[in-house]
Amino acid sequence: MTRQEILQIIYDILQHQLELPSMAAFHEDARLNEDLYMDSIMILQLILHLEVDLGFDIPDEMLVPKDFRTVGSLADFLERQQKPAVTEGFHD
């Protein structure tokens, strides 16, 4: 999955699943708390959608606040999460 696809997925979840009213502020540098007005419950809902709907495996111990600061840092985190799955395929 490309970075652009990940950003689109984040946008779609926030727009259609969470129905976030502050989507006009959505961009890669938008802060989840301050710009998009997401509280911790909304961020957990976003994580749940990423796991259940898209198959991302996000262990609780991997949840670090800095990864959920901006849309871009979340995209970076998701890019890192998908790399082990790609790498595992080469070892079989």
N, C-alpha and C. Protein backbone atom coordinates (compact mmCIF):
# COMPACT_ATOMS: atom_id res chain seq x y z
N MET A 1 0.85 -1.18 0.00
CA MET A 1 0.00 0.00 0.00
C MET A 1 0.90 1.24 0.00
N THR A 2 0.61 2.18 -0.89
CA THR A 2 1.44 3.38 -0.96
C THR A 2 1.05 4.38 0.13
N ARG A 3 1.90 5.34 0.34
CA ARG A 3 1.61 6.39 1.33
C ARG A 3 0.32 7.13 0.95
N GLN A 4 0.17 7.42 -0.33
CA GLN A 4 -1.03 8.14 -0.79
C GLN A 4 -2.29 7.32 -0.50
N GLU A 5 -2.22 6.01 -0.69
CA GLU A 5 -3.36 5.14 -0.39
C GLU A 5 -3.66 5.14 1.11
N ILE A 6 -2.61 5.12 1.92
CA ILE A 6 -2.80 5.16 3.37
C ILE A 6 -3.46 6.47 3.79
N LEU A 7 -3.00 7.59 3.23
CA LEU A 7 -3.61 8.88 3.55
C LEU A 7 -5.08 8.91 3.13
N GLN A 8 -5.38 8.33 1.99
CA GLN A 8 -6.77 8.28 1.51
C GLN A 8 -7.62 7.42 2.45
N ILE A 9 -7.07 6.31 2.91
CA ILE A 9 -7.79 5.43 3.84
C ILE A 9 -8.09 6.17 5.15
N ILE A 10 -7.09 6.89 5.67
CA ILE A 10 -7.30 7.68 6.90
C ILE A 10 -8.41 8.70 6.67
N TYR A 11 -8.33 9.39 5.53
CA TYR A 11 -9.35 10.39 5.20
C TYR A 11 -10.74 9.75 5.15
N ASP A 12 -10.84 8.63 4.44
CA ASP A 12 -12.13 7.97 4.29
C ASP A 12 -12.72 7.53 5.62
N ILE A 13 -11.89 6.99 6.50
CA ILE A 13 -12.38 6.56 7.81
C ILE A 13 -12.87 7.76 8.61
N LEU A 14 -12.08 8.83 8.62
CA LEU A 14 -12.48 10.01 9.38
C LEU A 14 -13.75 10.64 8.81
N GLN A 15 -13.86 10.65 7.49
CA GLN A 15 -15.01 11.28 6.83
C GLN A 15 -16.27 10.42 6.94
N HIS A 16 -16.17 9.14 6.62
CA HIS A 16 -17.35 8.31 6.46
C HIS A 16 -17.69 7.45 7.68
N GLN A 17 -16.69 6.99 8.41
CA GLN A 17 -16.96 6.14 9.56
C GLN A 17 -17.14 6.97 10.84
N LEU A 18 -16.22 7.89 11.07
CA LEU A 18 -16.29 8.70 12.29
C LEU A 18 -17.08 10.00 12.08
N GLU A 19 -17.34 10.34 10.80
CA GLU A 19 -18.09 11.53 10.44
C GLU A 19 -17.56 12.77 11.17
N LEU A 20 -16.26 12.94 11.07
CA LEU A 20 -15.57 14.04 11.73
C LEU A 20 -15.99 15.37 11.10
N PRO A 21 -16.52 16.32 11.89
CA PRO A 21 -16.99 17.59 11.32
C PRO A 21 -15.87 18.54 10.89
N SER A 22 -14.64 18.26 11.29
CA SER A 22 -13.53 19.19 11.01
C SER A 22 -12.68 18.74 9.81
N MET A 23 -13.26 18.04 8.85
CA MET A 23 -12.50 17.49 7.73
C MET A 23 -11.91 18.56 6.82
N ALA A 24 -12.40 19.77 6.87
CA ALA A 24 -11.83 20.85 6.06
C ALA A 24 -10.37 21.11 6.45
N ALA A 25 -10.00 20.75 7.67
CA ALA A 25 -8.63 20.95 8.16
C ALA A 25 -7.72 19.75 7.85
N PHE A 26 -8.24 18.73 7.15
CA PHE A 26 -7.45 17.52 6.90
C PHE A 26 -6.33 17.79 5.89
N HIS A 27 -5.12 17.51 6.30
CA HIS A 27 -3.93 17.49 5.43
C HIS A 27 -2.86 16.74 6.20
N GLU A 28 -1.75 16.46 5.55
CA GLU A 28 -0.73 15.60 6.15
C GLU A 28 -0.16 16.16 7.45
N ASP A 29 -0.09 17.48 7.58
CA ASP A 29 0.46 18.09 8.78
C ASP A 29 -0.61 18.43 9.83
N ALA A 30 -1.85 18.09 9.55
CA ALA A 30 -2.93 18.37 10.50
C ALA A 30 -2.74 17.55 11.77
N ARG A 31 -2.81 18.21 12.92
CA ARG A 31 -2.69 17.52 14.20
C ARG A 31 -4.04 16.90 14.55
N LEU A 32 -4.01 15.64 14.97
CA LEU A 32 -5.26 14.93 15.25
C LEU A 32 -6.06 15.61 16.36
N ASN A 33 -5.38 15.99 17.44
CA ASN A 33 -6.08 16.63 18.56
C ASN A 33 -6.44 18.08 18.28
N GLU A 34 -5.45 18.88 17.93
CA GLU A 34 -5.64 20.32 17.86
C GLU A 34 -6.35 20.80 16.59
N ASP A 35 -6.05 20.18 15.43
CA ASP A 35 -6.62 20.66 14.17
C ASP A 35 -7.90 19.91 13.78
N LEU A 36 -7.91 18.60 14.02
CA LEU A 36 -9.08 17.79 13.65
C LEU A 36 -10.02 17.56 14.82
N TYR A 37 -9.62 18.04 16.00
CA TYR A 37 -10.45 17.96 17.21
C TYR A 37 -10.83 16.53 17.57
N MET A 38 -9.86 15.61 17.43
CA MET A 38 -10.11 14.22 17.81
C MET A 38 -9.67 14.00 19.26
N ASP A 39 -10.55 13.39 20.05
CA ASP A 39 -10.16 13.04 21.41
C ASP A 39 -9.64 11.60 21.42
N SER A 40 -9.24 11.12 22.58
CA SER A 40 -8.62 9.79 22.66
C SER A 40 -9.58 8.69 22.23
N ILE A 41 -10.87 8.84 22.50
CA ILE A 41 -11.86 7.83 22.10
C ILE A 41 -11.95 7.78 20.57
N MET A 42 -11.95 8.94 19.92
CA MET A 42 -12.00 8.96 18.46
C MET A 42 -10.75 8.33 17.84
N ILE A 43 -9.61 8.56 18.46
CA ILE A 43 -8.38 7.96 17.96
C ILE A 43 -8.44 6.44 18.11
N LEU A 44 -8.98 5.96 19.23
CA LEU A 44 -9.15 4.51 19.41
C LEU A 44 -10.12 3.95 18.38
N GLN A 45 -11.18 4.68 18.06
CA GLN A 45 -12.12 4.24 17.02
C GLN A 45 -11.42 4.16 15.67
N LEU A 46 -10.57 5.13 15.37
CA LEU A 46 -9.80 5.12 14.13
C LEU A 46 -8.91 3.88 14.07
N ILE A 47 -8.22 3.59 15.17
CA ILE A 47 -7.35 2.41 15.23
C ILE A 47 -8.18 1.14 15.02
N LEU A 48 -9.35 1.07 15.64
CA LEU A 48 -10.22 -0.10 15.49
C LEU A 48 -10.61 -0.29 14.03
N HIS A 49 -10.99 0.78 13.35
CA HIS A 49 -11.35 0.68 11.94
C HIS A 49 -10.15 0.23 11.10
N LEU A 50 -8.97 0.74 11.41
CA LEU A 50 -7.77 0.32 10.67
C LEU A 50 -7.51 -1.17 10.85
N GLU A 51 -7.75 -1.67 12.06
CA GLU A 51 -7.51 -3.09 12.34
C GLU A 51 -8.59 -3.98 11.73
N VAL A 52 -9.85 -3.67 12.02
CA VAL A 52 -10.95 -4.54 11.62
C VAL A 52 -11.24 -4.43 10.12
N ASP A 53 -11.33 -3.22 9.61
CA ASP A 53 -11.72 -3.02 8.21
C ASP A 53 -10.58 -3.28 7.24
N LEU A 54 -9.34 -2.98 7.65
CA LEU A 54 -8.23 -3.04 6.71
C LEU A 54 -7.18 -4.09 7.05
N GLY A 55 -7.32 -4.74 8.20
CA GLY A 55 -6.42 -5.82 8.53
C GLY A 55 -5.07 -5.40 9.08
N PHE A 56 -4.91 -4.13 9.45
CA PHE A 56 -3.66 -3.72 10.10
C PHE A 56 -3.59 -4.39 11.46
N ASP A 57 -2.41 -4.87 11.83
CA ASP A 57 -2.20 -5.45 13.15
C ASP A 57 -1.47 -4.41 13.98
N ILE A 58 -2.17 -3.82 14.95
CA ILE A 58 -1.59 -2.76 15.75
C ILE A 58 -1.63 -3.19 17.22
N PRO A 59 -0.56 -3.85 17.70
CA PRO A 59 -0.53 -4.28 19.10
C PRO A 59 -0.55 -3.08 20.05
N ASP A 60 -1.19 -3.27 21.20
CA ASP A 60 -1.29 -2.18 22.18
C ASP A 60 0.06 -1.59 22.55
N GLU A 61 1.09 -2.44 22.65
CA GLU A 61 2.40 -1.94 23.05
C GLU A 61 3.05 -1.07 21.95
N MET A 62 2.48 -1.09 20.75
CA MET A 62 3.01 -0.27 19.65
C MET A 62 2.40 1.13 19.64
N LEU A 63 1.37 1.34 20.46
CA LEU A 63 0.68 2.63 20.47
C LEU A 63 1.48 3.66 21.25
N VAL A 64 2.13 4.55 20.53
CA VAL A 64 2.96 5.60 21.12
C VAL A 64 2.36 6.94 20.70
N PRO A 65 2.15 7.86 21.64
CA PRO A 65 1.50 9.13 21.31
C PRO A 65 2.11 9.89 20.13
N LYS A 66 3.43 9.83 19.97
CA LYS A 66 4.04 10.60 18.87
C LYS A 66 3.58 10.11 17.50
N ASP A 67 3.18 8.83 17.40
CA ASP A 67 2.71 8.30 16.13
C ASP A 67 1.31 8.77 15.78
N PHE A 68 0.63 9.33 16.76
CA PHE A 68 -0.74 9.78 16.55
C PHE A 68 -0.87 11.29 16.72
N ARG A 69 0.24 11.99 16.48
CA ARG A 69 0.24 13.45 16.62
C ARG A 69 -0.38 14.13 15.39
N THR A 70 0.07 13.72 14.21
CA THR A 70 -0.45 14.32 12.97
C THR A 70 -0.92 13.22 12.02
N VAL A 71 -1.62 13.64 10.99
CA VAL A 71 -2.03 12.69 9.95
C VAL A 71 -0.79 12.04 9.34
N GLY A 72 0.25 12.84 9.10
CA GLY A 72 1.50 12.33 8.51
C GLY A 72 2.20 11.33 9.41
N SER A 73 2.26 11.61 10.73
CA SER A 73 2.93 10.67 11.64
C SER A 73 2.14 9.37 11.74
N LEU A 74 0.81 9.45 11.63
CA LEU A 74 0.00 8.23 11.61
C LEU A 74 0.27 7.44 10.33
N ALA A 75 0.39 8.13 9.20
CA ALA A 75 0.70 7.46 7.93
C ALA A 75 2.08 6.79 8.01
N ASP A 76 3.06 7.47 8.61
CA ASP A 76 4.39 6.88 8.80
C ASP A 76 4.29 5.59 9.61
N PHE A 77 3.53 5.65 10.70
CA PHE A 77 3.34 4.50 11.58
C PHE A 77 2.72 3.33 10.80
N LEU A 78 1.68 3.61 10.01
CA LEU A 78 1.01 2.55 9.26
C LEU A 78 1.92 1.97 8.18
N GLU A 79 2.76 2.82 7.58
CA GLU A 79 3.74 2.32 6.61
C GLU A 79 4.70 1.33 7.28
N ARG A 80 5.15 1.68 8.49
CA ARG A 80 6.05 0.78 9.23
C ARG A 80 5.34 -0.52 9.60
N GLN A 81 4.07 -0.44 9.93
CA GLN A 81 3.31 -1.63 10.34
C GLN A 81 3.13 -2.61 9.19
N GLN A 82 3.06 -2.13 7.98
CA GLN A 82 2.85 -3.05 6.86
C GLN A 82 4.15 -3.65 6.34
N LYS A 83 5.29 -3.06 6.66
CA LYS A 83 6.58 -3.56 6.17
C LYS A 83 6.90 -4.98 6.66
N PRO A 84 6.67 -5.33 7.96
CA PRO A 84 6.99 -6.70 8.39
C PRO A 84 6.21 -7.76 7.60
N ALA A 85 4.97 -7.48 7.28
CA ALA A 85 4.17 -8.44 6.53
C ALA A 85 4.77 -8.66 5.14
N VAL A 86 5.26 -7.60 4.52
CA VAL A 86 5.89 -7.71 3.21
C VAL A 86 7.20 -8.49 3.34
N THR A 87 7.98 -8.19 4.36
CA THR A 87 9.27 -8.85 4.56
C THR A 87 9.09 -10.34 4.84
N GLU A 88 8.07 -10.71 5.63
CA GLU A 88 7.83 -12.11 5.97
C GLU A 88 7.64 -12.96 4.72
N GLY A 89 6.99 -12.39 3.70
CA GLY A 89 6.74 -13.13 2.47
C GLY A 89 8.01 -13.57 1.78
N PHE A 90 9.10 -12.83 1.95
CA PHE A 90 10.36 -13.16 1.30
C PHE A 90 11.11 -14.27 2.03
N HIS A 91 10.76 -14.55 3.27
CA HIS A 91 11.48 -15.56 4.05
C HIS A 91 10.89 -16.94 3.90
N ASP A 92 9.71 -17.06 3.29
CA ASP A 92 9.06 -18.37 3.18
C ASP A 92 9.72 -19.26 2.16
